[in-house]
Amino acid sequence: MIDCIKCKNPITVHESHDTAEGNVCARCKIAELEADNDALQSQLDEHESSCGWSLEDEDWTAYRTDCGHLFEFNDGGPVENKCKFCMYCGKPISLPTDEPKEGK
């Protein structure tokens, strides 16, 4: 018998889940996986609750929205114009990390 490194309950070697920190019982491993799942679900919910804007035309600083619209800035882009919410659907604006966040 060995002890779970998290809850200190005795477990057999066959019941343990070997981690970098040591042996963990099934109950603690499930709790750990559920916490990881909750964190991932939270990130997914955050992504789905935003409206993605992508640069459609660099010359005109026009952005295509996830909600199906096209918005053109006269000067700069969403960041320079302090746009935080989509004026069409009302969701927070999310910009791709691989595109420049600044307009022309």
C-alpha atoms as a PDB file:
ATOM      1  CA  MET A   1       0.000   0.000   0.000  1.00  0.00           C
ATOM      2  CA  ILE A   2       1.052   3.535  -0.737  1.00  0.00           C
ATOM      3  CA  ASP A   3      -0.517   6.901   0.113  1.00  0.00           C
ATOM      4  CA  CYS A   4      -2.081   9.281  -2.375  1.00  0.00           C
ATOM      5  CA  ILE A   5       0.057  12.421  -2.443  1.00  0.00           C
ATOM      6  CA  LYS A   6      -3.053  14.646  -2.511  1.00  0.00           C
ATOM      7  CA  CYS A   7      -5.572  13.170  -0.049  1.00  0.00           C
ATOM      8  CA  LYS A   8      -3.172  10.864   1.841  1.00  0.00           C
ATOM      9  CA  ASN A   9      -5.608   7.929   1.608  1.00  0.00           C
ATOM     10  CA  PRO A  10      -3.971   4.524   1.260  1.00  0.00           C
ATOM     11  CA  ILE A  11      -4.134   3.007  -2.220  1.00  0.00           C
ATOM     12  CA  THR A  12      -2.705  -0.054  -3.866  1.00  0.00           C
ATOM     13  CA  VAL A  13      -0.161   0.273  -6.648  1.00  0.00           C
ATOM     14  CA  HIS A  14      -2.797  -1.016  -9.096  1.00  0.00           C
ATOM     15  CA  GLU A  15      -5.213   1.777  -8.091  1.00  0.00           C
ATOM     16  CA  SER A  16      -2.671   4.567  -8.414  1.00  0.00           C
ATOM     17  CA  HIS A  17      -2.088   7.016 -11.251  1.00  0.00           C
ATOM     18  CA  ASP A  18       1.574   7.906 -11.554  1.00  0.00           C
ATOM     19  CA  THR A  19       2.159  11.641 -12.029  1.00  0.00           C
ATOM     20  CA  ALA A  20       5.250  13.804 -12.049  1.00  0.00           C
ATOM     21  CA  GLU A  21       4.596  14.609  -8.371  1.00  0.00           C
ATOM     22  CA  GLY A  22       3.932  11.022  -7.314  1.00  0.00           C
ATOM     23  CA  ASN A  23       1.059   8.549  -7.011  1.00  0.00           C
ATOM     24  CA  VAL A  24      -2.521   9.841  -6.990  1.00  0.00           C
ATOM     25  CA  CYS A  25      -5.726   7.944  -6.224  1.00  0.00           C
ATOM     26  CA  ALA A  26      -8.515   7.687  -8.785  1.00  0.00           C
ATOM     27  CA  ARG A  27     -10.749  10.151  -6.900  1.00  0.00           C
ATOM     28  CA  CYS A  28      -8.032  12.833  -6.881  1.00  0.00           C
ATOM     29  CA  LYS A  29      -7.155  12.126 -10.540  1.00  0.00           C
ATOM     30  CA  ILE A  30     -10.820  12.556 -11.522  1.00  0.00           C
ATOM     31  CA  ALA A  31     -11.012  15.825  -9.582  1.00  0.00           C
ATOM     32  CA  GLU A  32      -7.855  17.019 -11.357  1.00  0.00           C
ATOM     33  CA  LEU A  33      -9.264  16.100 -14.784  1.00  0.00           C
ATOM     34  CA  GLU A  34     -12.590  17.787 -13.975  1.00  0.00           C
ATOM     35  CA  ALA A  35     -10.737  20.981 -13.001  1.00  0.00           C
ATOM     36  CA  ASP A  36      -8.777  20.855 -16.264  1.00  0.00           C
ATOM     37  CA  ASN A  37     -12.030  20.305 -18.160  1.00  0.00           C
ATOM     38  CA  ASP A  38     -13.672  23.271 -16.416  1.00  0.00           C
ATOM     39  CA  ALA A  39     -10.736  25.506 -17.323  1.00  0.00           C
ATOM     40  CA  LEU A  40     -10.878  24.421 -20.973  1.00  0.00           C
ATOM     41  CA  GLN A  41     -14.663  24.873 -21.073  1.00  0.00           C
ATOM     42  CA  SER A  42     -14.256  28.367 -19.661  1.00  0.00           C
ATOM     43  CA  GLN A  43     -11.778  29.228 -22.422  1.00  0.00           C
ATOM     44  CA  LEU A  44     -14.135  27.794 -25.020  1.00  0.00           C
ATOM     45  CA  ASP A  45     -17.089  29.750 -23.614  1.00  0.00           C
ATOM     46  CA  GLU A  46     -15.004  32.928 -23.689  1.00  0.00           C
ATOM     47  CA  HIS A  47     -14.059  32.321 -27.318  1.00  0.00           C
ATOM     48  CA  GLU A  48     -17.629  31.559 -28.368  1.00  0.00           C
ATOM     49  CA  SER A  49     -18.922  34.618 -26.547  1.00  0.00           C
ATOM     50  CA  SER A  50     -16.820  36.997 -28.641  1.00  0.00           C
ATOM     51  CA  CYS A  51     -17.101  38.229 -32.216  1.00  0.00           C
ATOM     52  CA  GLY A  52     -13.945  37.596 -34.216  1.00  0.00           C
ATOM     53  CA  TRP A  53     -12.797  40.377 -36.513  1.00  0.00           C
ATOM     54  CA  SER A  54     -10.290  39.712 -39.277  1.00  0.00           C
ATOM     55  CA  LEU A  55      -8.654  42.211 -41.591  1.00  0.00           C
ATOM     56  CA  GLU A  56     -10.434  41.899 -44.939  1.00  0.00           C
ATOM     57  CA  ASP A  57      -8.766  44.727 -46.865  1.00  0.00           C
ATOM     58  CA  GLU A  58      -5.568  46.259 -45.544  1.00  0.00           C
ATOM     59  CA  ASP A  59      -5.728  49.256 -47.899  1.00  0.00           C
ATOM     60  CA  TRP A  60      -9.137  50.291 -46.585  1.00  0.00           C
ATOM     61  CA  THR A  61      -8.736  48.934 -43.033  1.00  0.00           C
ATOM     62  CA  ALA A  62     -11.913  46.917 -43.500  1.00  0.00           C
ATOM     63  CA  TYR A  63     -12.670  44.125 -41.051  1.00  0.00           C
ATOM     64  CA  ARG A  64     -14.914  41.072 -41.598  1.00  0.00           C
ATOM     65  CA  THR A  65     -16.904  40.119 -38.500  1.00  0.00           C
ATOM     66  CA  ASP A  66     -17.894  36.610 -37.365  1.00  0.00           C
ATOM     67  CA  CYS A  67     -21.497  37.815 -37.283  1.00  0.00           C
ATOM     68  CA  GLY A  68     -21.383  38.411 -41.047  1.00  0.00           C
ATOM     69  CA  HIS A  69     -20.708  42.110 -41.472  1.00  0.00           C
ATOM     70  CA  LEU A  70     -17.943  44.272 -42.914  1.00  0.00           C
ATOM     71  CA  PHE A  71     -16.790  47.343 -40.995  1.00  0.00           C
ATOM     72  CA  GLU A  72     -14.384  49.943 -42.347  1.00  0.00           C
ATOM     73  CA  PHE A  73     -12.365  52.371 -40.252  1.00  0.00           C
ATOM     74  CA  ASN A  74     -11.392  55.775 -41.647  1.00  0.00           C
ATOM     75  CA  ASP A  75      -8.188  55.797 -39.644  1.00  0.00           C
ATOM     76  CA  GLY A  76      -6.539  52.959 -37.715  1.00  0.00           C
ATOM     77  CA  GLY A  77      -8.258  49.775 -36.645  1.00  0.00           C
ATOM     78  CA  PRO A  78     -10.244  48.445 -33.676  1.00  0.00           C
ATOM     79  CA  VAL A  79      -7.367  48.935 -31.235  1.00  0.00           C
ATOM     80  CA  GLU A  80      -6.567  52.519 -32.236  1.00  0.00           C
ATOM     81  CA  ASN A  81     -10.262  53.417 -32.204  1.00  0.00           C
ATOM     82  CA  LYS A  82     -10.784  51.713 -28.826  1.00  0.00           C
ATOM     83  CA  CYS A  83     -13.504  49.417 -30.188  1.00  0.00           C
ATOM     84  CA  LYS A  84     -14.172  46.773 -27.589  1.00  0.00           C
ATOM     85  CA  PHE A  85     -17.595  45.508 -28.722  1.00  0.00           C
ATOM     86  CA  CYS A  86     -19.027  44.604 -32.109  1.00  0.00           C
ATOM     87  CA  MET A  87     -21.597  47.214 -33.078  1.00  0.00           C
ATOM     88  CA  TYR A  88     -23.637  44.564 -34.915  1.00  0.00           C
ATOM     89  CA  CYS A  89     -23.983  41.722 -32.396  1.00  0.00           C
ATOM     90  CA  GLY A  90     -22.786  43.416 -29.185  1.00  0.00           C
ATOM     91  CA  LYS A  91     -20.214  40.718 -28.299  1.00  0.00           C
ATOM     92  CA  PRO A  92     -16.654  41.634 -27.261  1.00  0.00           C
ATOM     93  CA  ILE A  93     -14.348  41.903 -30.288  1.00  0.00           C
ATOM     94  CA  SER A  94     -11.568  39.322 -30.605  1.00  0.00           C
ATOM     95  CA  LEU A  95      -8.725  39.867 -33.058  1.00  0.00           C
ATOM     96  CA  PRO A  96      -6.545  37.068 -34.467  1.00  0.00           C
ATOM     97  CA  THR A  97      -3.148  36.885 -32.825  1.00  0.00           C
ATOM     98  CA  ASP A  98      -1.399  36.237 -36.163  1.00  0.00           C
ATOM     99  CA  GLU A  99      -2.691  39.467 -37.754  1.00  0.00           C
ATOM    100  CA  PRO A 100      -1.524  42.950 -36.885  1.00  0.00           C
ATOM    101  CA  LYS A 101      -3.886  44.494 -34.351  1.00  0.00           C
ATOM    102  CA  GLU A 102      -3.206  47.950 -35.655  1.00  0.00           C
ATOM    103  CA  GLY A 103      -4.752  49.456 -38.744  1.00  0.00           C
ATOM    104  CA  LYS A 104      -2.846  51.186 -41.498  1.00  0.00           C
END
